[in-house]
């Protein structure tokens, strides 16, 4: 007889098609990036086959991720070990800065403005796509904007994007509060907040029943295997939503923003299942030097701080 948690896992897996490359990126980012970032290919199959993903599915996915520059392979005898590349680790670190936040960012009321008018049209399209992923909205065809953040180094970003010479960077104030409602409407349009809110709503509808199941289930029902599968699905679905979120400050968001509701739900579920999930990964994964290292200290800073229990107990 299946448990209600197993029913939830199966329903989540069947709810929509899951990309192999995207799922394994979620797995590496959540479970491995702070534990050396390397694992035996067979370990990935041990983790994913109980969820219905075949060995061929895993092999095809990691091969594609290798071709795309996310992973690199080291062969020892007949075994293949896949580790995160330097390029991949950089992308993981940037993404986790959005995924594992515990609240909306602070804001001093200033804006970063990027004028792309002098950028060639083909290059402009590339920059708009990258800047959009980084939280910039499009105010018109050549002007991108984002609320200033103390963590943003715009000159360094433009240098990284090879756009220092063609993009003009301004910092601006907003000293006229009488047009605040108009500003919020413009923000909602330029950052497509209705679409983002709908994605968050779908996440909440999917995972709110899991929170109820976790409250009601016996501790013995939270096996390490179930915890791992639930945590992987939780972060996989949440990652796909939150990376579309520009993470605007509260002052620019609608009341009762679904993003904050979804984040709180994700944090509460993560806290319930993290320890068991981490133990399961430790038991199943091998590296070129043997056991998977314990998580680095920064791992426990996720969502403002997670369980520091000794995993070796």
Protein backbone atom coordinates (compact mmCIF):
# COMPACT_ATOMS: atom_id res chain seq x y z
CA UNK A 1 0.00 0.00 0.00
CA UNK A 2 1.48 3.33 -1.01
CA UNK A 3 1.83 6.15 1.47
CA UNK A 4 0.22 9.55 0.88
CA UNK A 5 3.70 11.05 0.49
CA UNK A 6 4.42 8.57 -2.31
CA UNK A 7 1.12 9.53 -3.94
CA UNK A 8 2.16 13.18 -3.78
CA UNK A 9 5.55 12.41 -5.36
CA UNK A 10 3.93 10.46 -8.19
CA UNK A 11 1.33 13.19 -8.79
CA UNK A 12 4.05 15.88 -8.93
CA UNK A 13 6.09 13.80 -11.38
CA UNK A 14 3.07 13.25 -13.61
CA UNK A 15 1.75 16.82 -13.44
CA UNK A 16 3.94 18.10 -16.27
CA UNK A 17 6.85 16.91 -18.43
CA UNK A 18 10.23 17.10 -16.68
CA UNK A 19 13.36 17.91 -18.65
CA UNK A 20 16.26 15.63 -17.76
CA UNK A 21 18.87 18.34 -18.06
CA UNK A 22 16.81 20.76 -15.95
CA UNK A 23 16.16 18.11 -13.26
CA UNK A 24 19.84 17.21 -12.99
CA UNK A 25 20.79 20.88 -12.80
CA UNK A 26 18.35 21.13 -9.87
CA UNK A 27 19.96 18.07 -8.27
CA UNK A 28 23.52 19.34 -8.67
CA UNK A 29 22.63 22.84 -7.53
CA UNK A 30 20.67 21.77 -4.46
CA UNK A 31 22.45 18.61 -3.32
CA UNK A 32 25.99 18.60 -4.74
CA UNK A 33 27.30 22.10 -5.46
CA UNK A 34 28.36 22.64 -1.83
CA UNK A 35 29.65 19.09 -1.46
CA UNK A 36 32.49 19.13 -3.98
CA UNK A 37 30.25 19.24 -7.06
CA UNK A 38 31.40 15.80 -8.26
CA UNK A 39 29.63 12.44 -8.33
CA UNK A 40 29.83 9.04 -9.99
CA UNK A 41 27.37 8.58 -12.85
CA UNK A 42 26.07 5.44 -11.19
CA UNK A 43 25.20 7.44 -8.09
CA UNK A 44 22.97 9.74 -10.13
CA UNK A 45 21.12 6.68 -11.42
CA UNK A 46 20.76 5.33 -7.85
CA UNK A 47 19.17 8.63 -6.84
CA UNK A 48 16.83 9.01 -9.80
CA UNK A 49 15.80 5.50 -10.86
CA UNK A 50 13.43 5.04 -7.86
CA UNK A 51 11.60 8.14 -9.15
CA UNK A 52 11.06 6.47 -12.52
CA UNK A 53 13.98 7.97 -14.44
CA UNK A 54 15.93 5.33 -16.33
CA UNK A 55 19.69 4.94 -16.49
CA UNK A 56 19.49 5.96 -20.16
CA UNK A 57 17.57 9.13 -19.18
CA UNK A 58 20.36 10.02 -16.73
CA UNK A 59 23.20 9.25 -19.14
CA UNK A 60 21.63 11.24 -21.96
CA UNK A 61 21.01 14.22 -19.67
CA UNK A 62 24.54 14.43 -18.23
CA UNK A 63 26.01 14.01 -21.72
CA UNK A 64 23.99 17.03 -22.89
CA UNK A 65 25.03 19.04 -19.84
CA UNK A 66 28.65 18.21 -20.61
CA UNK A 67 28.20 19.45 -24.17
CA UNK A 68 26.59 22.66 -22.86
CA UNK A 69 29.51 23.36 -20.52
CA UNK A 70 27.75 22.69 -17.21
CA UNK A 71 29.62 19.49 -16.39
CA UNK A 72 32.96 17.86 -17.17
CA UNK A 73 33.75 14.16 -16.98
CA UNK A 74 36.66 12.20 -15.52
CA UNK A 75 36.96 8.50 -16.30
CA UNK A 76 38.59 6.10 -13.86
CA UNK A 77 38.56 2.60 -15.31
CA UNK A 78 35.01 1.91 -16.46
CA UNK A 79 33.49 4.56 -14.22
CA UNK A 80 32.59 8.12 -15.22
CA UNK A 81 32.52 10.94 -12.69
CA UNK A 82 30.76 14.19 -13.56
CA UNK A 83 31.74 17.44 -11.82
CA UNK A 84 30.48 21.00 -12.18
CA UNK A 85 32.67 23.15 -14.42
CA UNK A 86 33.94 26.56 -13.36
CA UNK A 87 31.42 28.12 -15.74
CA UNK A 88 28.64 25.95 -14.32
CA UNK A 89 29.59 26.76 -10.73
CA UNK A 90 29.43 30.48 -11.50
CA UNK A 91 25.88 30.05 -12.81
CA UNK A 92 24.89 27.91 -9.82
CA UNK A 93 26.16 30.55 -7.39
CA UNK A 94 24.24 33.31 -9.15
CA UNK A 95 21.05 31.23 -9.25
CA UNK A 96 21.22 30.17 -5.61
CA UNK A 97 21.43 33.84 -4.64
CA UNK A 98 17.82 34.04 -5.86
CA UNK A 99 16.57 30.57 -4.95
CA UNK A 100 17.57 30.46 -1.27
CA UNK A 101 16.68 34.01 -0.20
CA UNK A 102 14.53 34.31 2.92
CA UNK A 103 12.87 37.61 1.95
CA UNK A 104 12.59 40.37 -0.61
CA UNK A 105 15.78 42.45 -1.01
CA UNK A 106 16.25 45.75 0.80
CA UNK A 107 16.03 48.89 -1.34
CA UNK A 108 17.25 52.47 -0.94
CA UNK A 109 14.79 53.91 -3.50
CA UNK A 110 17.40 54.37 -6.23
CA UNK A 111 17.37 52.89 -9.72
CA UNK A 112 20.00 51.52 -12.09
CA UNK A 113 19.28 52.56 -15.70
CA UNK A 114 21.01 51.08 -18.76
CA UNK A 115 20.66 52.82 -22.12
CA UNK A 116 21.25 50.37 -24.98
CA UNK A 117 20.70 52.84 -27.81
CA UNK A 118 24.30 52.63 -29.07
CA UNK A 119 24.36 48.82 -28.98
CA UNK A 120 24.03 46.99 -32.35
CA UNK A 121 20.54 45.51 -32.75
CA UNK A 122 21.65 41.85 -32.79
CA UNK A 123 23.75 42.42 -29.65
CA UNK A 124 20.91 44.39 -28.04
CA UNK A 125 18.62 41.36 -28.17
CA UNK A 126 21.21 39.23 -26.36
CA UNK A 127 21.75 41.86 -23.68
CA UNK A 128 18.02 42.31 -23.08
CA UNK A 129 17.62 38.58 -22.54
CA UNK A 130 20.51 38.35 -20.08
CA UNK A 131 19.56 41.55 -18.26
CA UNK A 132 15.97 40.38 -18.00
CA UNK A 133 17.13 37.19 -16.28
CA UNK A 134 19.16 39.37 -13.90
CA UNK A 135 16.09 41.36 -12.84
CA UNK A 136 16.06 44.30 -15.28
CA UNK A 137 12.80 45.41 -16.85
CA UNK A 138 12.36 47.09 -20.21
CA UNK A 139 11.00 50.63 -19.90
CA UNK A 140 11.20 51.21 -23.66
CA UNK A 141 12.97 49.66 -26.64
CA UNK A 142 16.43 50.82 -25.53
CA UNK A 143 16.13 51.54 -21.78
CA UNK A 144 16.47 48.81 -19.14
CA UNK A 145 15.95 49.50 -15.43
CA UNK A 146 16.27 47.77 -12.07
CA UNK A 147 15.89 48.88 -8.46
CA UNK A 148 19.42 49.40 -7.13
CA UNK A 149 20.86 46.71 -4.90
CA UNK A 150 23.93 46.90 -2.70
CA UNK A 151 24.91 43.49 -4.07
CA UNK A 152 24.90 44.66 -7.70
CA UNK A 153 28.15 45.78 -9.30
CA UNK A 154 26.84 47.17 -12.58
CA UNK A 155 30.24 48.16 -14.10
CA UNK A 156 31.54 44.64 -13.41
CA UNK A 157 28.37 43.17 -14.92
CA UNK A 158 28.73 45.26 -18.10
CA UNK A 159 32.37 44.22 -18.37
CA UNK A 160 31.39 40.56 -18.00
CA UNK A 161 28.80 41.02 -20.76
CA UNK A 162 31.34 42.76 -23.03
CA UNK A 163 29.05 45.80 -23.07
CA UNK A 164 31.07 48.44 -21.18
CA UNK A 165 31.73 50.57 -24.26
CA UNK A 166 28.25 50.54 -25.77
CA UNK A 167 25.86 50.66 -22.80
CA UNK A 168 25.43 53.93 -20.87
CA UNK A 169 24.88 53.44 -17.13
CA UNK A 170 22.92 55.92 -14.99
CA UNK A 171 21.83 55.94 -11.34
CA UNK A 172 18.53 57.67 -10.65
CA UNK A 173 16.35 58.75 -7.73
CA UNK A 174 12.58 58.68 -7.50
CA UNK A 175 11.73 61.79 -5.43
CA UNK A 176 8.09 62.30 -6.51
CA UNK A 177 5.75 60.00 -4.51
CA UNK A 178 2.53 61.42 -6.01
CA UNK A 179 3.02 59.22 -9.09
CA UNK A 180 3.62 56.09 -7.00
CA UNK A 181 0.54 54.27 -8.30
CA UNK A 182 1.54 55.04 -11.88
CA UNK A 183 5.03 53.70 -11.15
CA UNK A 184 3.63 50.46 -9.74
CA UNK A 185 1.48 49.97 -12.82
CA UNK A 186 4.50 50.55 -15.06
CA UNK A 187 6.58 48.12 -13.01
CA UNK A 188 3.86 45.46 -13.19
CA UNK A 189 3.78 45.81 -16.99
CA UNK A 190 7.54 46.05 -17.63
CA UNK A 191 8.36 43.09 -15.37
CA UNK A 192 5.29 41.00 -16.39
CA UNK A 193 4.32 40.53 -12.73
CA UNK A 194 0.95 38.99 -13.60
CA UNK A 195 2.72 36.08 -15.32
CA UNK A 196 5.20 35.67 -12.46
CA UNK A 197 2.35 35.72 -9.94
CA UNK A 198 0.49 33.03 -11.88
CA UNK A 199 3.54 30.74 -11.86
CA UNK A 200 3.86 31.24 -8.10
CA UNK A 201 0.16 30.50 -7.65
CA UNK A 202 0.57 27.19 -9.49
CA UNK A 203 3.53 26.31 -7.25
CA UNK A 204 1.48 27.11 -4.12
CA UNK A 205 -1.47 25.00 -5.31
CA UNK A 206 0.87 22.07 -6.00
CA UNK A 207 2.91 22.14 -2.76
CA UNK A 208 0.51 23.45 -0.11
CA UNK A 209 -1.03 19.94 0.24
CA UNK A 210 2.48 18.59 0.94
CA UNK A 211 2.84 20.92 3.92
CA UNK A 212 -0.35 19.47 5.37
CA UNK A 213 0.91 15.91 4.79
CA UNK A 214 4.20 16.67 6.52
CA UNK A 215 2.40 18.08 9.57
CA UNK A 216 0.20 14.99 9.87
CA UNK A 217 2.60 12.17 9.01
CA UNK A 218 4.57 10.12 11.56
CA UNK A 219 8.29 10.81 11.77
CA UNK A 220 8.99 7.22 10.65
CA UNK A 221 7.18 7.98 7.39
CA UNK A 222 9.79 10.62 6.55
CA UNK A 223 12.35 8.15 5.25
CA UNK A 224 15.58 9.57 3.78
CA UNK A 225 14.51 8.41 0.32
CA UNK A 226 11.17 10.20 0.50
CA UNK A 227 12.86 13.31 1.90
CA UNK A 228 15.31 13.38 -0.99
CA UNK A 229 12.63 12.92 -3.64
CA UNK A 230 10.42 15.59 -2.08
CA UNK A 231 13.29 18.07 -1.71
CA UNK A 232 14.42 17.56 -5.30
CA UNK A 233 10.90 18.11 -6.64
CA UNK A 234 10.34 21.09 -4.34
CA UNK A 235 13.50 22.89 -5.46
CA UNK A 236 13.09 21.86 -9.10
CA UNK A 237 9.61 23.40 -9.32
CA UNK A 238 10.48 26.40 -7.14
CA UNK A 239 13.69 27.12 -9.07
CA UNK A 240 11.81 27.27 -12.35
CA UNK A 241 9.51 29.93 -10.89
CA UNK A 242 11.86 32.04 -8.78
CA UNK A 243 14.45 32.42 -11.55
CA UNK A 244 11.75 34.21 -13.57
CA UNK A 245 11.10 36.58 -10.66
CA UNK A 246 12.90 39.96 -10.86
CA UNK A 247 12.86 39.98 -7.02
CA UNK A 248 11.63 43.54 -6.77
CA UNK A 249 11.52 45.24 -3.36
CA UNK A 250 8.27 45.18 -1.41
CA UNK A 251 7.61 48.86 -2.16
CA UNK A 252 7.14 48.04 -5.85
CA UNK A 253 5.05 44.88 -5.48
CA UNK A 254 1.28 44.36 -5.26
CA UNK A 255 -0.20 43.68 -1.83
CA UNK A 256 -0.22 40.01 -0.79
CA UNK A 257 2.49 39.17 -3.32
CA UNK A 258 2.31 35.44 -4.12
CA UNK A 259 6.08 35.25 -4.36
CA UNK A 260 6.46 35.78 -0.60
CA UNK A 261 3.75 33.21 0.12
CA UNK A 262 5.50 30.70 -2.13
CA UNK A 263 8.89 31.40 -0.54
CA UNK A 264 7.55 30.87 2.99
CA UNK A 265 5.91 27.63 1.89
CA UNK A 266 9.14 26.44 0.27
CA UNK A 267 11.19 27.31 3.37
CA UNK A 268 8.82 25.48 5.73
CA UNK A 269 8.82 22.33 3.60
CA UNK A 270 12.60 22.46 3.09
CA UNK A 271 13.20 22.65 6.85
CA UNK A 272 11.07 19.53 7.38
CA UNK A 273 12.89 17.33 4.89
CA UNK A 274 16.41 18.72 4.49
CA UNK A 275 18.21 16.55 7.05
CA UNK A 276 16.78 13.26 5.76
CA UNK A 277 17.41 14.28 2.15
CA UNK A 278 21.03 15.19 2.87
CA UNK A 279 21.63 11.88 4.63
CA UNK A 280 20.16 10.00 1.66
CA UNK A 281 22.52 11.78 -0.75
CA UNK A 282 25.44 10.92 1.55
CA UNK A 283 24.48 7.24 1.52
CA UNK A 284 24.03 6.97 -2.25
CA UNK A 285 26.80 9.11 -3.72
CA UNK A 286 30.43 8.29 -4.49
CA UNK A 287 33.20 10.53 -5.79
CA UNK A 288 36.68 9.90 -7.19
CA UNK A 289 38.04 9.99 -3.62
CA UNK A 290 35.28 7.96 -1.97
CA UNK A 291 32.47 9.40 0.14
CA UNK A 292 30.79 12.68 -0.71
CA UNK A 293 32.14 15.49 1.51
CA UNK A 294 29.84 16.96 4.15
CA UNK A 295 28.10 20.21 3.10
CA UNK A 296 30.19 23.38 3.31
CA UNK A 297 29.24 25.93 5.98
CA UNK A 298 27.59 28.23 3.42
CA UNK A 299 25.07 25.46 2.69
CA UNK A 300 23.49 26.02 6.11
CA UNK A 301 22.91 29.70 5.34
CA UNK A 302 20.16 28.84 2.86
CA UNK A 303 16.82 30.51 3.54
CA UNK A 304 18.37 32.47 6.40
CA UNK A 305 19.63 29.34 8.20
CA UNK A 306 18.68 25.66 8.16
CA UNK A 307 19.18 22.76 10.55
CA UNK A 308 22.78 22.41 11.78
CA UNK A 309 22.30 18.89 13.16
CA UNK A 310 25.34 16.65 12.86
CA UNK A 311 24.83 14.54 9.76
CA UNK A 312 27.21 11.84 10.94
CA UNK A 313 25.03 10.88 13.93
